[in-house]
């Protein structure tokens, strides 16, 4: 973000690149955890993950206040990034 020079497009690009990395990590952690669970626990995790995705998307969408200017878009994108990274770590801790 420091290299963005305060340019909104550069900030979005930075957040997007890191989100891609964190989303890949989240998917790896999810698959690894699923591989260790019983069928019943797999269903529970799948349901929880689906609900978590709905919550993350709804929560972060709220940050994208249409009256908030360009910074609101940055805040929403950063929300998705941070929540994704936190969930990736949470899935590791469940193993």
PDB file of N, CA and C in Angstrom:
ATOM      1  N   UNK A   1       0.819  -1.187   0.000  1.00  0.00           N
ATOM      2  CA  UNK A   1       0.000   0.000   0.000  1.00  0.00           C
ATOM      3  C   UNK A   1       0.869   1.258   0.000  1.00  0.00           C
ATOM      4  N   UNK A   2       2.008   1.180   0.657  1.00  0.00           N
ATOM      5  CA  UNK A   2       2.890   2.351   0.691  1.00  0.00           C
ATOM      6  C   UNK A   2       3.342   2.748  -0.711  1.00  0.00           C
ATOM      7  N   UNK A   3       3.501   1.757  -1.581  1.00  0.00           N
ATOM      8  CA  UNK A   3       3.967   2.029  -2.937  1.00  0.00           C
ATOM      9  C   UNK A   3       2.863   2.579  -3.842  1.00  0.00           C
ATOM     10  N   UNK A   4       1.628   2.618  -3.348  1.00  0.00           N
ATOM     11  CA  UNK A   4       0.517   3.085  -4.177  1.00  0.00           C
ATOM     12  C   UNK A   4       0.550   4.590  -4.393  1.00  0.00           C
ATOM     13  N   UNK A   5       1.268   5.293  -3.544  1.00  0.00           N
ATOM     14  CA  UNK A   5       1.336   6.742  -3.664  1.00  0.00           C
ATOM     15  C   UNK A   5      -0.006   7.416  -3.427  1.00  0.00           C
ATOM     16  N   UNK A   6      -0.908   6.720  -2.755  1.00  0.00           N
ATOM     17  CA  UNK A   6      -2.224   7.280  -2.494  1.00  0.00           C
ATOM     18  C   UNK A   6      -3.162   7.245  -3.690  1.00  0.00           C
ATOM     19  N   UNK A   7      -2.750   6.565  -4.755  1.00  0.00           N
ATOM     20  CA  UNK A   7      -3.574   6.461  -5.959  1.00  0.00           C
ATOM     21  C   UNK A   7      -4.569   5.317  -5.751  1.00  0.00           C
ATOM     22  N   UNK A   8      -5.850   5.648  -5.858  1.00  0.00           N
ATOM     23  CA  UNK A   8      -6.905   4.680  -5.565  1.00  0.00           C
ATOM     24  C   UNK A   8      -6.774   3.410  -6.396  1.00  0.00           C
ATOM     25  N   UNK A   9      -6.536   3.525  -7.670  1.00  0.00           N
ATOM     26  CA  UNK A   9      -6.418   2.343  -8.532  1.00  0.00           C
ATOM     27  C   UNK A   9      -5.262   1.455  -8.081  1.00  0.00           C
ATOM     28  N   UNK A  10      -4.161   2.066  -7.686  1.00  0.00           N
ATOM     29  CA  UNK A  10      -3.003   1.295  -7.204  1.00  0.00           C
ATOM     30  C   UNK A  10      -3.321   0.619  -5.871  1.00  0.00           C
ATOM     31  N   UNK A  11      -4.073   1.297  -5.028  1.00  0.00           N
ATOM     32  CA  UNK A  11      -4.472   0.708  -3.748  1.00  0.00           C
ATOM     33  C   UNK A  11      -5.360  -0.512  -3.985  1.00  0.00           C
ATOM     34  N   UNK A  12      -6.308  -0.383  -4.908  1.00  0.00           N
ATOM     35  CA  UNK A  12      -7.173  -1.520  -5.243  1.00  0.00           C
ATOM     36  C   UNK A  12      -6.354  -2.677  -5.806  1.00  0.00           C
ATOM     37  N   UNK A  13      -5.390  -2.377  -6.647  1.00  0.00           N
ATOM     38  CA  UNK A  13      -4.550  -3.428  -7.228  1.00  0.00           C
ATOM     39  C   UNK A  13      -3.770  -4.164  -6.146  1.00  0.00           C
ATOM     40  N   UNK A  14      -3.253  -3.430  -5.199  1.00  0.00           N
ATOM     41  CA  UNK A  14      -2.496  -4.031  -4.093  1.00  0.00           C
ATOM     42  C   UNK A  14      -3.394  -4.933  -3.250  1.00  0.00           C
ATOM     43  N   UNK A  15      -4.550  -4.418  -2.885  1.00  0.00           N
ATOM     44  CA  UNK A  15      -5.482  -5.204  -2.076  1.00  0.00           C
ATOM     45  C   UNK A  15      -5.933  -6.440  -2.846  1.00  0.00           C
ATOM     46  N   UNK A  16      -6.205  -6.281  -4.120  1.00  0.00           N
ATOM     47  CA  UNK A  16      -6.650  -7.399  -4.942  1.00  0.00           C
ATOM     48  C   UNK A  16      -5.593  -8.498  -5.028  1.00  0.00           C
ATOM     49  N   UNK A  17      -4.346  -8.111  -5.218  1.00  0.00           N
ATOM     50  CA  UNK A  17      -3.259  -9.096  -5.306  1.00  0.00           C
ATOM     51  C   UNK A  17      -3.119  -9.863  -3.998  1.00  0.00           C
ATOM     52  N   UNK A  18      -3.180  -9.154  -2.882  1.00  0.00           N
ATOM     53  CA  UNK A  18      -3.048  -9.827  -1.585  1.00  0.00           C
ATOM     54  C   UNK A  18      -4.283 -10.670  -1.296  1.00  0.00           C
ATOM     55  N   UNK A  19      -5.452 -10.201  -1.691  1.00  0.00           N
ATOM     56  CA  UNK A  19      -6.666 -10.992  -1.495  1.00  0.00           C
ATOM     57  C   UNK A  19      -6.574 -12.310  -2.261  1.00  0.00           C
ATOM     58  N   UNK A  20      -6.052 -12.263  -3.459  1.00  0.00           N
ATOM     59  CA  UNK A  20      -5.879 -13.493  -4.241  1.00  0.00           C
ATOM     60  C   UNK A  20      -5.002 -14.476  -3.485  1.00  0.00           C
ATOM     61  N   UNK A  21      -3.905 -14.001  -2.932  1.00  0.00           N
ATOM     62  CA  UNK A  21      -3.013 -14.880  -2.160  1.00  0.00           C
ATOM     63  C   UNK A  21      -3.718 -15.445  -0.928  1.00  0.00           C
ATOM     64  N   UNK A  22      -4.431 -14.590  -0.211  1.00  0.00           N
ATOM     65  CA  UNK A  22      -5.106 -15.044   1.002  1.00  0.00           C
ATOM     66  C   UNK A  22      -6.253 -15.997   0.680  1.00  0.00           C
ATOM     67  N   UNK A  23      -6.960 -15.768  -0.415  1.00  0.00           N
ATOM     68  CA  UNK A  23      -8.047 -16.649  -0.815  1.00  0.00           C
ATOM     69  C   UNK A  23      -7.510 -18.025  -1.197  1.00  0.00           C
ATOM     70  N   UNK A  24      -6.374 -18.063  -1.858  1.00  0.00           N
ATOM     71  CA  UNK A  24      -5.743 -19.344  -2.190  1.00  0.00           C
ATOM     72  C   UNK A  24      -5.346 -20.080  -0.918  1.00  0.00           C
ATOM     73  N   UNK A  25      -4.815 -19.340   0.054  1.00  0.00           N
ATOM     74  CA  UNK A  25      -4.436 -19.960   1.326  1.00  0.00           C
ATOM     75  C   UNK A  25      -5.664 -20.477   2.057  1.00  0.00           C
ATOM     76  N   UNK A  26      -6.730 -19.695   2.057  1.00  0.00           N
ATOM     77  CA  UNK A  26      -7.969 -20.125   2.689  1.00  0.00           C
ATOM     78  C   UNK A  26      -8.465 -21.419   2.059  1.00  0.00           C
ATOM     79  N   UNK A  27      -8.446 -21.503   0.742  1.00  0.00           N
ATOM     80  CA  UNK A  27      -8.899 -22.713   0.056  1.00  0.00           C
ATOM     81  C   UNK A  27      -8.019 -23.911   0.371  1.00  0.00           C
ATOM     82  N   UNK A  28      -6.708 -23.703   0.442  1.00  0.00           N
ATOM     83  CA  UNK A  28      -5.805 -24.811   0.815  1.00  0.00           C
ATOM     84  C   UNK A  28      -6.103 -25.287   2.233  1.00  0.00           C
ATOM     85  N   UNK A  29      -6.283 -24.341   3.145  1.00  0.00           N
ATOM     86  CA  UNK A  29      -6.547 -24.702   4.540  1.00  0.00           C
ATOM     87  C   UNK A  29      -7.893 -25.411   4.687  1.00  0.00           C
ATOM     88  N   UNK A  30      -8.867 -24.948   3.946  1.00  0.00           N
ATOM     89  CA  UNK A  30     -10.203 -25.571   3.976  1.00  0.00           C
ATOM     90  C   UNK A  30     -10.118 -27.012   3.482  1.00  0.00           C
ATOM     91  N   UNK A  31      -9.454 -27.225   2.362  1.00  0.00           N
ATOM     92  CA  UNK A  31      -9.330 -28.572   1.805  1.00  0.00           C
ATOM     93  C   UNK A  31      -8.558 -29.492   2.745  1.00  0.00           C
ATOM     94  N   UNK A  32      -7.512 -28.980   3.356  1.00  0.00           N
ATOM     95  CA  UNK A  32      -6.725 -29.795   4.287  1.00  0.00           C
ATOM     96  C   UNK A  32      -7.558 -30.190   5.505  1.00  0.00           C
ATOM     97  N   UNK A  33      -8.321 -29.262   6.021  1.00  0.00           N
ATOM     98  CA  UNK A  33      -9.170 -29.571   7.166  1.00  0.00           C
ATOM     99  C   UNK A  33     -10.260 -30.556   6.776  1.00  0.00           C
ATOM    100  N   UNK A  34     -10.883 -30.350   5.624  1.00  0.00           N
ATOM    101  CA  UNK A  34     -11.936 -31.263   5.165  1.00  0.00           C
ATOM    102  C   UNK A  34     -11.406 -32.691   5.044  1.00  0.00           C
ATOM    103  N   UNK A  35     -10.171 -32.842   4.620  1.00  0.00           N
ATOM    104  CA  UNK A  35      -9.578 -34.166   4.440  1.00  0.00           C
ATOM    105  C   UNK A  35      -9.428 -34.923   5.761  1.00  0.00           C
ATOM    106  N   UNK A  36      -9.431 -34.199   6.866  1.00  0.00           N
ATOM    107  CA  UNK A  36      -9.225 -34.820   8.175  1.00  0.00           C
ATOM    108  C   UNK A  36     -10.524 -35.125   8.922  1.00  0.00           C
ATOM    109  N   UNK A  37     -11.646 -34.678   8.392  1.00  0.00           N
ATOM    110  CA  UNK A  37     -12.900 -34.767   9.133  1.00  0.00           C
ATOM    111  C   UNK A  37     -13.735 -35.983   8.755  1.00  0.00           C
ATOM    112  N   UNK A  38     -14.590 -36.376   9.685  1.00  0.00           N
ATOM    113  CA  UNK A  38     -15.578 -37.414   9.410  1.00  0.00           C
ATOM    114  C   UNK A  38     -16.642 -36.824   8.481  1.00  0.00           C
ATOM    115  N   UNK A  39     -17.405 -37.686   7.839  1.00  0.00           N
ATOM    116  CA  UNK A  39     -18.458 -37.165   6.947  1.00  0.00           C
ATOM    117  C   UNK A  39     -19.419 -36.185   7.639  1.00  0.00           C
ATOM    118  N   UNK A  40     -19.800 -36.474   8.858  1.00  0.00           N
ATOM    119  CA  UNK A  40     -20.722 -35.585   9.577  1.00  0.00           C
ATOM    120  C   UNK A  40     -20.078 -34.222   9.844  1.00  0.00           C
ATOM    121  N   UNK A  41     -18.822 -34.230  10.249  1.00  0.00           N
ATOM    122  CA  UNK A  41     -18.116 -32.964  10.527  1.00  0.00           C
ATOM    123  C   UNK A  41     -17.855 -32.200   9.230  1.00  0.00           C
ATOM    124  N   UNK A  42     -17.642 -32.915   8.126  1.00  0.00           N
ATOM    125  CA  UNK A  42     -17.467 -32.244   6.832  1.00  0.00           C
ATOM    126  C   UNK A  42     -18.715 -31.443   6.478  1.00  0.00           C
ATOM    127  N   UNK A  43     -19.888 -32.022   6.712  1.00  0.00           N
ATOM    128  CA  UNK A  43     -21.139 -31.318   6.431  1.00  0.00           C
ATOM    129  C   UNK A  43     -21.247 -30.066   7.300  1.00  0.00           C
ATOM    130  N   UNK A  44     -20.834 -30.186   8.558  1.00  0.00           N
ATOM    131  CA  UNK A  44     -20.887 -29.036   9.463  1.00  0.00           C
ATOM    132  C   UNK A  44     -19.953 -27.928   8.992  1.00  0.00           C
ATOM    133  N   UNK A  45     -18.742 -28.295   8.621  1.00  0.00           N
ATOM    134  CA  UNK A  45     -17.784 -27.300   8.160  1.00  0.00           C
ATOM    135  C   UNK A  45     -18.260 -26.660   6.862  1.00  0.00           C
ATOM    136  N   UNK A  46     -18.793 -27.462   5.966  1.00  0.00           N
ATOM    137  CA  UNK A  46     -19.285 -26.919   4.703  1.00  0.00           C
ATOM    138  C   UNK A  46     -20.394 -25.893   4.954  1.00  0.00           C
ATOM    139  N   UNK A  47     -21.321 -26.213   5.846  1.00  0.00           N
ATOM    140  CA  UNK A  47     -22.405 -25.282   6.176  1.00  0.00           C
ATOM    141  C   UNK A  47     -21.850 -24.019   6.836  1.00  0.00           C
ATOM    142  N   UNK A  48     -20.907 -24.198   7.744  1.00  0.00           N
ATOM    143  CA  UNK A  48     -20.309 -23.046   8.417  1.00  0.00           C
ATOM    144  C   UNK A  48     -19.564 -22.157   7.437  1.00  0.00           C
ATOM    145  N   UNK A  49     -18.848 -22.769   6.507  1.00  0.00           N
ATOM    146  CA  UNK A  49     -18.078 -21.998   5.536  1.00  0.00           C
ATOM    147  C   UNK A  49     -19.009 -21.207   4.615  1.00  0.00           C
ATOM    148  N   UNK A  50     -20.086 -21.830   4.208  1.00  0.00           N
ATOM    149  CA  UNK A  50     -21.052 -21.125   3.359  1.00  0.00           C
ATOM    150  C   UNK A  50     -21.650 -19.925   4.092  1.00  0.00           C
ATOM    151  N   UNK A  51     -21.986 -20.120   5.348  1.00  0.00           N
ATOM    152  CA  UNK A  51     -22.539 -19.014   6.144  1.00  0.00           C
ATOM    153  C   UNK A  51     -21.487 -17.942   6.389  1.00  0.00           C
ATOM    154  N   UNK A  52     -20.249 -18.364   6.622  1.00  0.00           N
ATOM    155  CA  UNK A  52     -19.177 -17.386   6.813  1.00  0.00           C
ATOM    156  C   UNK A  52     -19.005 -16.536   5.552  1.00  0.00           C
ATOM    157  N   UNK A  53     -19.020 -17.155   4.388  1.00  0.00           N
ATOM    158  CA  UNK A  53     -18.895 -16.405   3.128  1.00  0.00           C
ATOM    159  C   UNK A  53     -20.035 -15.399   2.966  1.00  0.00           C
ATOM    160  N   UNK A  54     -21.248 -15.818   3.312  1.00  0.00           N
ATOM    161  CA  UNK A  54     -22.384 -14.901   3.233  1.00  0.00           C
ATOM    162  C   UNK A  54     -22.190 -13.728   4.191  1.00  0.00           C
ATOM    163  N   UNK A  55     -21.749 -14.040   5.414  1.00  0.00           N
ATOM    164  CA  UNK A  55     -21.522 -12.983   6.395  1.00  0.00           C
ATOM    165  C   UNK A  55     -20.417 -12.032   5.928  1.00  0.00           C
ATOM    166  N   UNK A  56     -19.285 -12.591   5.481  1.00  0.00           N
ATOM    167  CA  UNK A  56     -18.178 -11.747   5.023  1.00  0.00           C
ATOM    168  C   UNK A  56     -18.632 -10.808   3.917  1.00  0.00           C
ATOM    169  N   UNK A  57     -19.323 -11.356   2.947  1.00  0.00           N
ATOM    170  CA  UNK A  57     -19.753 -10.538   1.813  1.00  0.00           C
ATOM    171  C   UNK A  57     -20.748  -9.460   2.234  1.00  0.00           C
ATOM    172  N   UNK A  58     -21.708  -9.810   3.077  1.00  0.00           N
ATOM    173  CA  UNK A  58     -22.683  -8.820   3.540  1.00  0.00           C
ATOM    174  C   UNK A  58     -22.020  -7.762   4.409  1.00  0.00           C
ATOM    175  N   UNK A  59     -21.161  -8.197   5.299  1.00  0.00           N
ATOM    176  CA  UNK A  59     -20.481  -7.268   6.199  1.00  0.00           C
ATOM    177  C   UNK A  59     -19.610  -6.287   5.421  1.00  0.00           C
ATOM    178  N   UNK A  60     -18.822  -6.793   4.514  1.00  0.00           N
ATOM    179  CA  UNK A  60     -17.908  -5.934   3.766  1.00  0.00           C
ATOM    180  C   UNK A  60     -18.636  -5.070   2.747  1.00  0.00           C
ATOM    181  N   UNK A  61     -19.749  -5.560   2.226  1.00  0.00           N
ATOM    182  CA  UNK A  61     -20.548  -4.750   1.305  1.00  0.00           C
ATOM    183  C   UNK A  61     -21.045  -3.487   2.013  1.00  0.00           C
ATOM    184  N   UNK A  62     -21.321  -3.612   3.293  1.00  0.00           N
ATOM    185  CA  UNK A  62     -21.790  -2.456   4.065  1.00  0.00           C
ATOM    186  C   UNK A  62     -20.730  -1.353   4.108  1.00  0.00           C
ATOM    187  N   UNK A  63     -19.470  -1.728   4.087  1.00  0.00           N
ATOM    188  CA  UNK A  63     -18.378  -0.750   4.085  1.00  0.00           C
ATOM    189  C   UNK A  63     -18.380   0.097   2.818  1.00  0.00           C
ATOM    190  N   UNK A  64     -18.916  -0.439   1.745  1.00  0.00           N
ATOM    191  CA  UNK A  64     -18.915   0.256   0.453  1.00  0.00           C
ATOM    192  C   UNK A  64     -20.059   1.267   0.398  1.00  0.00           C
ATOM    193  N   UNK A  65     -20.050   2.193   1.316  1.00  0.00           N
ATOM    194  CA  UNK A  65     -21.070   3.237   1.403  1.00  0.00           C
ATOM    195  C   UNK A  65     -21.069   4.056   0.114  1.00  0.00           C
ATOM    196  N   UNK A  66     -22.200   4.109  -0.592  1.00  0.00           N
ATOM    197  CA  UNK A  66     -22.222   4.866  -1.847  1.00  0.00           C
ATOM    198  C   UNK A  66     -21.935   6.355  -1.651  1.00  0.00           C
ATOM    199  N   UNK A  67     -22.109   6.851  -0.443  1.00  0.00           N
ATOM    200  CA  UNK A  67     -21.812   8.258  -0.145  1.00  0.00           C
ATOM    201  C   UNK A  67     -20.420   8.436   0.454  1.00  0.00           C
ATOM    202  N   UNK A  68     -19.663   7.347   0.512  1.00  0.00           N
ATOM    203  CA  UNK A  68     -18.358   7.383   1.166  1.00  0.00           C
ATOM    204  C   UNK A  68     -17.193   7.716   0.257  1.00  0.00           C
ATOM    205  N   UNK A  69     -17.453   7.954  -1.007  1.00  0.00           N
ATOM    206  CA  UNK A  69     -16.381   8.289  -1.932  1.00  0.00           C
ATOM    207  C   UNK A  69     -15.500   7.091  -2.243  1.00  0.00           C
ATOM    208  N   UNK A  70     -14.348   7.371  -2.828  1.00  0.00           N
ATOM    209  CA  UNK A  70     -13.454   6.285  -3.252  1.00  0.00           C
ATOM    210  C   UNK A  70     -12.870   5.525  -2.067  1.00  0.00           C
ATOM    211  N   UNK A  71     -12.749   6.187  -0.939  1.00  0.00           N
ATOM    212  CA  UNK A  71     -12.206   5.513   0.236  1.00  0.00           C
ATOM    213  C   UNK A  71     -13.126   4.401   0.734  1.00  0.00           C
ATOM    214  N   UNK A  72     -14.428   4.537   0.510  1.00  0.00           N
ATOM    215  CA  UNK A  72     -15.361   3.489   0.920  1.00  0.00           C
ATOM    216  C   UNK A  72     -15.090   2.201   0.146  1.00  0.00           C
ATOM    217  N   UNK A  73     -14.749   2.323  -1.127  1.00  0.00           N
ATOM    218  CA  UNK A  73     -14.407   1.139  -1.914  1.00  0.00           C
ATOM    219  C   UNK A  73     -13.146   0.463  -1.414  1.00  0.00           C
ATOM    220  N   UNK A  74     -12.177   1.274  -1.022  1.00  0.00           N
ATOM    221  CA  UNK A  74     -10.939   0.738  -0.449  1.00  0.00           C
ATOM    222  C   UNK A  74     -11.248   0.025   0.864  1.00  0.00           C
ATOM    223  N   UNK A  75     -12.078   0.646   1.696  1.00  0.00           N
ATOM    224  CA  UNK A  75     -12.439   0.045   2.986  1.00  0.00           C
ATOM    225  C   UNK A  75     -13.152  -1.290   2.784  1.00  0.00           C
ATOM    226  N   UNK A  76     -14.051  -1.354   1.808  1.00  0.00           N
ATOM    227  CA  UNK A  76     -14.766  -2.597   1.541  1.00  0.00           C
ATOM    228  C   UNK A  76     -13.818  -3.691   1.051  1.00  0.00           C
ATOM    229  N   UNK A  77     -12.931  -3.339   0.146  1.00  0.00           N
ATOM    230  CA  UNK A  77     -11.966  -4.316  -0.371  1.00  0.00           C
ATOM    231  C   UNK A  77     -11.033  -4.794   0.731  1.00  0.00           C
ATOM    232  N   UNK A  78     -10.609  -3.877   1.590  1.00  0.00           N
ATOM    233  CA  UNK A  78      -9.730  -4.252   2.697  1.00  0.00           C
ATOM    234  C   UNK A  78     -10.467  -5.134   3.699  1.00  0.00           C
ATOM    235  N   UNK A  79     -11.743  -4.878   3.892  1.00  0.00           N
ATOM    236  CA  UNK A  79     -12.557  -5.719   4.769  1.00  0.00           C
ATOM    237  C   UNK A  79     -12.546  -7.163   4.276  1.00  0.00           C
ATOM    238  N   UNK A  80     -12.784  -7.352   2.989  1.00  0.00           N
ATOM    239  CA  UNK A  80     -12.779  -8.702   2.407  1.00  0.00           C
ATOM    240  C   UNK A  80     -11.406  -9.346   2.591  1.00  0.00           C
ATOM    241  N   UNK A  81     -10.372  -8.592   2.332  1.00  0.00           N
ATOM    242  CA  UNK A  81      -9.007  -9.103   2.492  1.00  0.00           C
ATOM    243  C   UNK A  81      -8.749  -9.545   3.925  1.00  0.00           C
ATOM    244  N   UNK A  82      -9.027  -8.672   4.873  1.00  0.00           N
ATOM    245  CA  UNK A  82      -8.742  -8.973   6.278  1.00  0.00           C
ATOM    246  C   UNK A  82      -9.566 -10.146   6.796  1.00  0.00           C
ATOM    247  N   UNK A  83     -10.847 -10.176   6.446  1.00  0.00           N
ATOM    248  CA  UNK A  83     -11.684 -11.286   6.899  1.00  0.00           C
ATOM    249  C   UNK A  83     -11.241 -12.605   6.282  1.00  0.00           C
ATOM    250  N   UNK A  84     -10.817 -12.582   5.033  1.00  0.00           N
ATOM    251  CA  UNK A  84     -10.339 -13.794   4.360  1.00  0.00           C
ATOM    252  C   UNK A  84      -9.061 -14.301   5.017  1.00  0.00           C
ATOM    253  N   UNK A  85      -8.136 -13.397   5.298  1.00  0.00           N
ATOM    254  CA  UNK A  85      -6.884 -13.784   5.954  1.00  0.00           C
ATOM    255  C   UNK A  85      -7.150 -14.348   7.345  1.00  0.00           C
ATOM    256  N   UNK A  86      -8.062 -13.721   8.075  1.00  0.00           N
ATOM    257  CA  UNK A  86      -8.399 -14.209   9.420  1.00  0.00           C
ATOM    258  C   UNK A  86      -9.032 -15.591   9.365  1.00  0.00           C
ATOM    259  N   UNK A  87      -9.915 -15.811   8.403  1.00  0.00           N
ATOM    260  CA  UNK A  87     -10.564 -17.122   8.270  1.00  0.00           C
ATOM    261  C   UNK A  87      -9.548 -18.185   7.868  1.00  0.00           C
ATOM    262  N   UNK A  88      -8.612 -17.842   7.018  1.00  0.00           N
ATOM    263  CA  UNK A  88      -7.568 -18.794   6.632  1.00  0.00           C
ATOM    264  C   UNK A  88      -6.796 -19.249   7.870  1.00  0.00           C
ATOM    265  N   UNK A  89      -6.452 -18.298   8.741  1.00  0.00           N
ATOM    266  CA  UNK A  89      -5.737 -18.648   9.971  1.00  0.00           C
ATOM    267  C   UNK A  89      -6.633 -19.469  10.908  1.00  0.00           C
ATOM    268  N   UNK A  90      -7.895 -19.112  10.971  1.00  0.00           N
ATOM    269  CA  UNK A  90      -8.837 -19.848  11.827  1.00  0.00           C
ATOM    270  C   UNK A  90      -8.938 -21.308  11.404  1.00  0.00           C
ATOM    271  N   UNK A  91      -8.969 -21.554  10.100  1.00  0.00           N
ATOM    272  CA  UNK A  91      -9.065 -22.935   9.620  1.00  0.00           C
ATOM    273  C   UNK A  91      -7.821 -23.734   9.978  1.00  0.00           C
ATOM    274  N   UNK A  92      -6.656 -23.082   9.988  1.00  0.00           N
ATOM    275  CA  UNK A  92      -5.428 -23.757  10.430  1.00  0.00           C
ATOM    276  C   UNK A  92      -5.561 -24.163  11.896  1.00  0.00           C
ATOM    277  N   UNK A  93      -6.089 -23.255  12.691  1.00  0.00           N
ATOM    278  CA  UNK A  93      -6.226 -23.519  14.131  1.00  0.00           C
ATOM    279  C   UNK A  93      -7.209 -24.639  14.437  1.00  0.00           C
ATOM    280  N   UNK A  94      -8.118 -24.911  13.521  1.00  0.00           N
ATOM    281  CA  UNK A  94      -9.087 -25.990  13.737  1.00  0.00           C
ATOM    282  C   UNK A  94      -8.510 -27.364  13.459  1.00  0.00           C
ATOM    283  N   UNK A  95      -7.332 -27.420  12.870  1.00  0.00           N
ATOM    284  CA  UNK A  95      -6.722 -28.712  12.529  1.00  0.00           C
ATOM    285  C   UNK A  95      -6.105 -29.364  13.714  1.00  0.00           C
TER     286      UNK A  95
END
